[in-house]
Amino acid sequence: MKIEIDDQIAKKCNLNEKEALELLAISVYKFKKVHGALAGKILGITEFEFHELLSKKGEIVNYGVDDLIDDIKNHEL
């Protein structure tokens, strides 16, 4: 998928490509469309790095018991 933002709009919003991708990744994560690992993949970073980014941006990490169980299962593979 390719998403294009008009240069004038990006300039008005004061966004570069990296910042726009971060906003996208954080938004889909916050709306629970993806988990942290996939949100990180959008940015080319690990889930841990994505959670660090959330913390720096003052966002809450959605990580519950189900996430922990999934992580344990995926680690065992």
Protein backbone atom coordinates (compact mmCIF):
# COMPACT_ATOMS: atom_id res chain seq x y z
CA MET A 1 0.00 0.00 0.00
CA LYS A 2 1.19 3.47 -0.74
CA ILE A 3 -0.17 6.56 0.98
CA GLU A 4 0.60 9.99 -0.40
CA ILE A 5 0.20 13.28 1.42
CA ASP A 6 0.26 16.44 -0.64
CA ASP A 7 3.45 18.40 0.02
CA GLN A 8 1.51 21.55 0.90
CA ILE A 9 -0.56 19.68 3.49
CA ALA A 10 2.55 18.01 4.94
CA LYS A 11 4.29 21.38 5.13
CA LYS A 12 1.26 23.01 6.77
CA CYS A 13 1.16 20.17 9.33
CA ASN A 14 4.94 20.41 9.74
CA LEU A 15 5.32 16.67 9.01
CA ASN A 16 8.11 14.77 7.39
CA GLU A 17 7.74 11.17 6.17
CA LYS A 18 9.08 9.64 9.40
CA GLU A 19 6.69 11.67 11.57
CA ALA A 20 3.73 10.81 9.34
CA LEU A 21 4.54 7.08 9.61
CA GLU A 22 4.88 7.39 13.40
CA LEU A 23 1.45 9.02 13.59
CA LEU A 24 -0.03 6.26 11.44
CA ALA A 25 1.55 3.48 13.50
CA ILE A 26 0.51 5.06 16.81
CA SER A 27 -3.03 5.66 15.56
CA VAL A 28 -3.66 2.11 14.33
CA TYR A 29 -2.17 0.81 17.58
CA LYS A 30 -4.34 3.08 19.75
CA PHE A 31 -7.47 2.00 17.87
CA LYS A 32 -6.41 -1.61 18.48
CA LYS A 33 -6.15 -2.44 14.78
CA VAL A 34 -2.63 -3.85 15.27
CA HIS A 35 -0.46 -4.95 18.19
CA GLY A 36 2.85 -3.39 19.13
CA ALA A 37 4.99 -5.69 17.00
CA LEU A 38 3.05 -4.85 13.83
CA ALA A 39 2.99 -1.14 14.65
CA GLY A 40 6.76 -1.32 15.05
CA LYS A 41 7.05 -3.14 11.74
CA ILE A 42 5.36 -0.17 10.02
CA LEU A 43 8.29 1.90 11.26
CA GLY A 44 10.98 -0.72 10.76
CA ILE A 45 11.62 -1.05 14.51
CA THR A 46 11.05 -3.73 17.14
CA GLU A 47 8.02 -3.93 19.41
CA PHE A 48 10.20 -2.84 22.33
CA GLU A 49 11.41 0.20 20.39
CA PHE A 50 7.83 1.01 19.44
CA HIS A 51 6.80 0.92 23.10
CA GLU A 52 9.72 3.26 23.88
CA LEU A 53 8.43 5.61 21.16
CA LEU A 54 4.96 5.53 22.71
CA SER A 55 6.45 6.40 26.07
CA LYS A 56 8.42 9.33 24.61
CA LYS A 57 5.24 10.62 22.95
CA GLY A 58 3.30 10.32 26.23
CA GLU A 59 1.05 7.55 24.90
CA ILE A 60 -0.21 4.59 26.88
CA VAL A 61 1.00 1.10 25.98
CA ASN A 62 -1.94 -1.28 25.48
CA TYR A 63 -0.39 -4.42 26.88
CA GLY A 64 -2.57 -6.83 28.77
CA VAL A 65 -2.59 -10.44 29.87
CA ASP A 66 -3.66 -11.64 26.41
CA ASP A 67 -0.68 -9.83 24.89
CA LEU A 68 1.66 -11.49 27.38
CA ILE A 69 0.24 -14.94 26.58
CA ASP A 70 0.64 -14.29 22.84
CA ASP A 71 4.23 -13.15 23.36
CA ILE A 72 5.03 -16.27 25.37
CA LYS A 73 3.50 -18.52 22.69
CA ASN A 74 5.33 -16.70 19.90
CA HIS A 75 8.61 -16.89 21.81
CA GLU A 76 8.26 -20.64 22.14
CA LEU A 77 8.00 -21.04 18.36
